[in-house]
Amino acid sequence: MIQVSVMYPATEGATFDHDYYAATHVPMAKAAWGLTDAVIEKGINGPYVAAVHVTFESMDALGAAMGSPDSAAVIADVANFTTINPVMQISEIV
């Protein structure tokens, strides 16, 4: 099982619309990549203002999702809710 975590570092002067992220962006990503679940975090105290964690059955499934024609729209949508450049972590769940 592969987990993808997309994290948004706290950045001075940056903006982040948590409502848009939870109500629009994450559901868009789930639909584009055929996901049924996502864990959304709203940072309270720490280095990130937000994060989302999703899982894929394998690296091949992750690659197919990222290669989807809908991925471009998901990536382009980031500008609609934040000025922060996200950081991505790909992990194997053990």
N, C-alpha and C. Protein backbone atom coordinates (compact mmCIF):
# COMPACT_ATOMS: atom_id res chain seq x y z
N MET A 1 0.85 -1.16 0.00
CA MET A 1 0.00 0.00 0.00
C MET A 1 0.91 1.24 0.00
N ILE A 2 0.55 2.21 -0.81
CA ILE A 2 1.33 3.45 -0.95
C ILE A 2 0.51 4.62 -0.41
N GLN A 3 1.12 5.42 0.42
CA GLN A 3 0.47 6.63 0.92
C GLN A 3 1.14 7.85 0.29
N VAL A 4 0.32 8.77 -0.18
CA VAL A 4 0.81 10.04 -0.68
C VAL A 4 0.32 11.11 0.28
N SER A 5 1.26 11.88 0.79
CA SER A 5 0.94 12.99 1.68
C SER A 5 1.34 14.28 0.96
N VAL A 6 0.40 15.21 0.86
CA VAL A 6 0.67 16.51 0.28
C VAL A 6 0.52 17.51 1.42
N MET A 7 1.63 18.21 1.71
CA MET A 7 1.67 19.09 2.86
C MET A 7 1.99 20.52 2.41
N TYR A 8 1.41 21.47 3.13
CA TYR A 8 1.55 22.87 2.78
C TYR A 8 2.28 23.58 3.92
N PRO A 9 3.59 23.87 3.73
CA PRO A 9 4.38 24.48 4.80
C PRO A 9 3.87 25.87 5.17
N ALA A 10 3.88 26.15 6.47
CA ALA A 10 3.56 27.50 6.93
C ALA A 10 4.57 28.46 6.32
N THR A 11 4.07 29.46 5.64
CA THR A 11 4.92 30.40 4.92
C THR A 11 4.42 31.81 5.21
N GLU A 12 5.33 32.65 5.68
CA GLU A 12 4.93 34.01 6.05
C GLU A 12 4.30 34.74 4.85
N GLY A 13 3.15 35.33 5.10
CA GLY A 13 2.45 36.10 4.07
C GLY A 13 1.63 35.27 3.10
N ALA A 14 1.67 33.95 3.24
CA ALA A 14 0.94 33.07 2.33
C ALA A 14 -0.53 33.00 2.71
N THR A 15 -1.36 32.58 1.75
CA THR A 15 -2.77 32.40 2.00
C THR A 15 -3.15 30.93 1.78
N PHE A 16 -4.19 30.49 2.49
CA PHE A 16 -4.70 29.13 2.34
C PHE A 16 -6.17 29.14 2.71
N ASP A 17 -7.03 28.73 1.78
CA ASP A 17 -8.47 28.68 2.01
C ASP A 17 -8.86 27.25 2.38
N HIS A 18 -8.95 27.00 3.68
CA HIS A 18 -9.24 25.64 4.17
C HIS A 18 -10.61 25.14 3.72
N ASP A 19 -11.59 26.03 3.69
CA ASP A 19 -12.94 25.62 3.27
C ASP A 19 -12.95 25.15 1.83
N TYR A 20 -12.33 25.92 0.92
CA TYR A 20 -12.27 25.53 -0.48
C TYR A 20 -11.51 24.21 -0.63
N TYR A 21 -10.42 24.09 0.11
CA TYR A 21 -9.59 22.89 0.03
C TYR A 21 -10.42 21.64 0.37
N ALA A 22 -11.15 21.70 1.48
CA ALA A 22 -11.91 20.53 1.93
C ALA A 22 -13.15 20.29 1.09
N ALA A 23 -13.82 21.35 0.65
CA ALA A 23 -15.10 21.20 -0.05
C ALA A 23 -14.96 21.03 -1.55
N THR A 24 -13.88 21.52 -2.12
CA THR A 24 -13.75 21.51 -3.59
C THR A 24 -12.50 20.77 -4.07
N HIS A 25 -11.32 21.18 -3.59
CA HIS A 25 -10.09 20.63 -4.16
C HIS A 25 -9.90 19.15 -3.86
N VAL A 26 -10.01 18.77 -2.60
CA VAL A 26 -9.78 17.36 -2.27
C VAL A 26 -10.82 16.45 -2.94
N PRO A 27 -12.12 16.81 -2.95
CA PRO A 27 -13.08 15.98 -3.70
C PRO A 27 -12.74 15.90 -5.20
N MET A 28 -12.23 16.99 -5.77
CA MET A 28 -11.82 16.97 -7.18
C MET A 28 -10.69 15.96 -7.39
N ALA A 29 -9.71 15.97 -6.49
CA ALA A 29 -8.59 15.04 -6.60
C ALA A 29 -9.06 13.59 -6.43
N LYS A 30 -9.93 13.36 -5.45
CA LYS A 30 -10.45 12.01 -5.24
C LYS A 30 -11.18 11.50 -6.48
N ALA A 31 -11.99 12.34 -7.10
CA ALA A 31 -12.73 11.93 -8.30
C ALA A 31 -11.77 11.68 -9.46
N ALA A 32 -10.79 12.54 -9.62
CA ALA A 32 -9.84 12.41 -10.73
C ALA A 32 -9.04 11.12 -10.62
N TRP A 33 -8.71 10.73 -9.41
CA TRP A 33 -7.82 9.59 -9.20
C TRP A 33 -8.54 8.34 -8.71
N GLY A 34 -9.86 8.36 -8.69
CA GLY A 34 -10.62 7.19 -8.29
C GLY A 34 -10.44 6.78 -6.85
N LEU A 35 -10.28 7.76 -5.97
CA LEU A 35 -10.07 7.47 -4.56
C LEU A 35 -11.38 7.53 -3.80
N THR A 36 -11.48 6.73 -2.76
CA THR A 36 -12.69 6.75 -1.94
C THR A 36 -12.47 7.48 -0.63
N ASP A 37 -11.23 7.69 -0.24
CA ASP A 37 -10.97 8.29 1.07
C ASP A 37 -9.78 9.24 1.00
N ALA A 38 -9.80 10.23 1.85
CA ALA A 38 -8.69 11.15 2.04
C ALA A 38 -8.76 11.67 3.46
N VAL A 39 -7.63 11.77 4.10
CA VAL A 39 -7.56 12.34 5.44
C VAL A 39 -7.01 13.75 5.30
N ILE A 40 -7.83 14.73 5.68
CA ILE A 40 -7.44 16.14 5.58
C ILE A 40 -7.06 16.63 6.97
N GLU A 41 -5.93 17.33 7.05
CA GLU A 41 -5.48 17.92 8.31
C GLU A 41 -5.44 19.43 8.17
N LYS A 42 -5.91 20.12 9.19
CA LYS A 42 -5.77 21.57 9.29
C LYS A 42 -4.77 21.82 10.42
N GLY A 43 -3.61 22.36 10.05
CA GLY A 43 -2.56 22.57 11.04
C GLY A 43 -2.97 23.55 12.12
N ILE A 44 -2.64 23.22 13.34
CA ILE A 44 -2.90 24.09 14.48
C ILE A 44 -1.58 24.65 15.01
N ASN A 45 -0.61 23.76 15.18
CA ASN A 45 0.69 24.16 15.70
C ASN A 45 1.73 23.23 15.09
N GLY A 46 2.55 23.77 14.24
CA GLY A 46 3.58 22.96 13.60
C GLY A 46 4.02 23.57 12.29
N PRO A 47 4.78 22.83 11.53
CA PRO A 47 5.36 23.42 10.32
C PRO A 47 4.42 23.47 9.11
N TYR A 48 3.22 22.88 9.20
CA TYR A 48 2.31 22.84 8.05
C TYR A 48 0.96 23.46 8.40
N VAL A 49 0.40 24.22 7.46
CA VAL A 49 -0.94 24.79 7.67
C VAL A 49 -2.02 23.81 7.27
N ALA A 50 -1.66 22.85 6.42
CA ALA A 50 -2.62 21.83 5.99
C ALA A 50 -1.87 20.65 5.39
N ALA A 51 -2.58 19.53 5.32
CA ALA A 51 -2.04 18.33 4.68
C ALA A 51 -3.21 17.44 4.28
N VAL A 52 -2.95 16.58 3.31
CA VAL A 52 -3.92 15.55 2.95
C VAL A 52 -3.13 14.26 2.73
N HIS A 53 -3.74 13.15 3.10
CA HIS A 53 -3.11 11.84 2.96
C HIS A 53 -4.08 10.93 2.22
N VAL A 54 -3.60 10.32 1.14
CA VAL A 54 -4.41 9.39 0.35
C VAL A 54 -3.59 8.13 0.11
N THR A 55 -4.28 7.02 -0.17
CA THR A 55 -3.58 5.76 -0.39
C THR A 55 -3.93 5.18 -1.75
N PHE A 56 -2.95 4.46 -2.28
CA PHE A 56 -3.07 3.74 -3.54
C PHE A 56 -2.63 2.30 -3.30
N GLU A 57 -3.18 1.39 -4.07
CA GLU A 57 -2.84 -0.02 -3.91
C GLU A 57 -1.37 -0.32 -4.21
N SER A 58 -0.76 0.47 -5.13
CA SER A 58 0.60 0.19 -5.55
C SER A 58 1.20 1.43 -6.20
N MET A 59 2.50 1.38 -6.47
CA MET A 59 3.15 2.46 -7.21
C MET A 59 2.59 2.54 -8.62
N ASP A 60 2.23 1.40 -9.21
CA ASP A 60 1.62 1.42 -10.54
C ASP A 60 0.28 2.15 -10.53
N ALA A 61 -0.51 1.92 -9.48
CA ALA A 61 -1.80 2.62 -9.37
C ALA A 61 -1.58 4.12 -9.18
N LEU A 62 -0.58 4.49 -8.39
CA LEU A 62 -0.25 5.90 -8.22
C LEU A 62 0.18 6.51 -9.55
N GLY A 63 1.02 5.80 -10.28
CA GLY A 63 1.48 6.30 -11.58
C GLY A 63 0.33 6.48 -12.56
N ALA A 64 -0.59 5.54 -12.56
CA ALA A 64 -1.75 5.65 -13.46
C ALA A 64 -2.60 6.85 -13.07
N ALA A 65 -2.77 7.07 -11.78
CA ALA A 65 -3.57 8.22 -11.32
C ALA A 65 -2.91 9.53 -11.72
N MET A 66 -1.61 9.63 -11.50
CA MET A 66 -0.91 10.87 -11.84
C MET A 66 -0.87 11.10 -13.35
N GLY A 67 -0.94 10.03 -14.12
CA GLY A 67 -0.95 10.14 -15.57
C GLY A 67 -2.33 10.39 -16.16
N SER A 68 -3.33 10.42 -15.30
CA SER A 68 -4.70 10.67 -15.74
C SER A 68 -4.83 12.05 -16.37
N PRO A 69 -5.66 12.17 -17.41
CA PRO A 69 -5.86 13.48 -18.02
C PRO A 69 -6.46 14.50 -17.04
N ASP A 70 -7.12 14.03 -15.99
CA ASP A 70 -7.72 14.93 -15.00
C ASP A 70 -6.70 15.50 -14.02
N SER A 71 -5.49 14.95 -13.98
CA SER A 71 -4.47 15.43 -13.05
C SER A 71 -4.09 16.88 -13.32
N ALA A 72 -4.06 17.29 -14.55
CA ALA A 72 -3.69 18.68 -14.87
C ALA A 72 -4.66 19.66 -14.23
N ALA A 73 -5.95 19.34 -14.24
CA ALA A 73 -6.95 20.22 -13.62
C ALA A 73 -6.77 20.28 -12.10
N VAL A 74 -6.42 19.15 -11.49
CA VAL A 74 -6.20 19.12 -10.05
C VAL A 74 -5.01 20.00 -9.70
N ILE A 75 -3.93 19.88 -10.44
CA ILE A 75 -2.74 20.68 -10.17
C ILE A 75 -3.02 22.16 -10.42
N ALA A 76 -3.72 22.48 -11.49
CA ALA A 76 -4.05 23.88 -11.80
C ALA A 76 -4.94 24.49 -10.73
N ASP A 77 -5.75 23.67 -10.06
CA ASP A 77 -6.68 24.17 -9.05
C ASP A 77 -5.99 24.66 -7.78
N VAL A 78 -4.76 24.27 -7.56
CA VAL A 78 -4.03 24.68 -6.35
C VAL A 78 -4.04 26.20 -6.22
N ALA A 79 -3.90 26.91 -7.31
CA ALA A 79 -3.88 28.38 -7.28
C ALA A 79 -5.20 28.97 -6.78
N ASN A 80 -6.27 28.19 -6.77
CA ASN A 80 -7.57 28.68 -6.31
C ASN A 80 -7.71 28.71 -4.79
N PHE A 81 -6.78 28.06 -4.06
CA PHE A 81 -6.92 28.04 -2.61
C PHE A 81 -5.67 28.39 -1.82
N THR A 82 -4.50 28.48 -2.49
CA THR A 82 -3.29 28.80 -1.73
C THR A 82 -2.21 29.42 -2.61
N THR A 83 -1.33 30.13 -1.93
CA THR A 83 -0.12 30.65 -2.57
C THR A 83 1.10 29.84 -2.13
N ILE A 84 0.87 28.77 -1.38
CA ILE A 84 1.96 27.93 -0.86
C ILE A 84 2.31 26.85 -1.86
N ASN A 85 3.59 26.62 -2.07
CA ASN A 85 4.05 25.49 -2.88
C ASN A 85 4.00 24.23 -2.02
N PRO A 86 3.18 23.24 -2.40
CA PRO A 86 3.06 22.04 -1.58
C PRO A 86 4.31 21.16 -1.64
N VAL A 87 4.46 20.36 -0.60
CA VAL A 87 5.53 19.37 -0.49
C VAL A 87 4.85 18.00 -0.51
N MET A 88 5.38 17.08 -1.33
CA MET A 88 4.77 15.76 -1.42
C MET A 88 5.72 14.70 -0.86
N GLN A 89 5.14 13.78 -0.09
CA GLN A 89 5.86 12.64 0.44
C GLN A 89 5.14 11.38 -0.03
N ILE A 90 5.88 10.46 -0.66
CA ILE A 90 5.34 9.17 -1.06
C ILE A 90 5.97 8.12 -0.14
N SER A 91 5.12 7.33 0.49
CA SER A 91 5.59 6.36 1.49
C SER A 91 4.95 5.00 1.25
N GLU A 92 5.67 3.98 1.66
CA GLU A 92 5.09 2.63 1.70
C GLU A 92 4.55 2.40 3.09
N ILE A 93 3.30 2.01 3.18
CA ILE A 93 2.73 1.70 4.49
C ILE A 93 3.22 0.32 4.90
N VAL A 94 3.81 0.24 6.06
CA VAL A 94 4.38 -1.03 6.54
C VAL A 94 3.66 -1.52 7.78
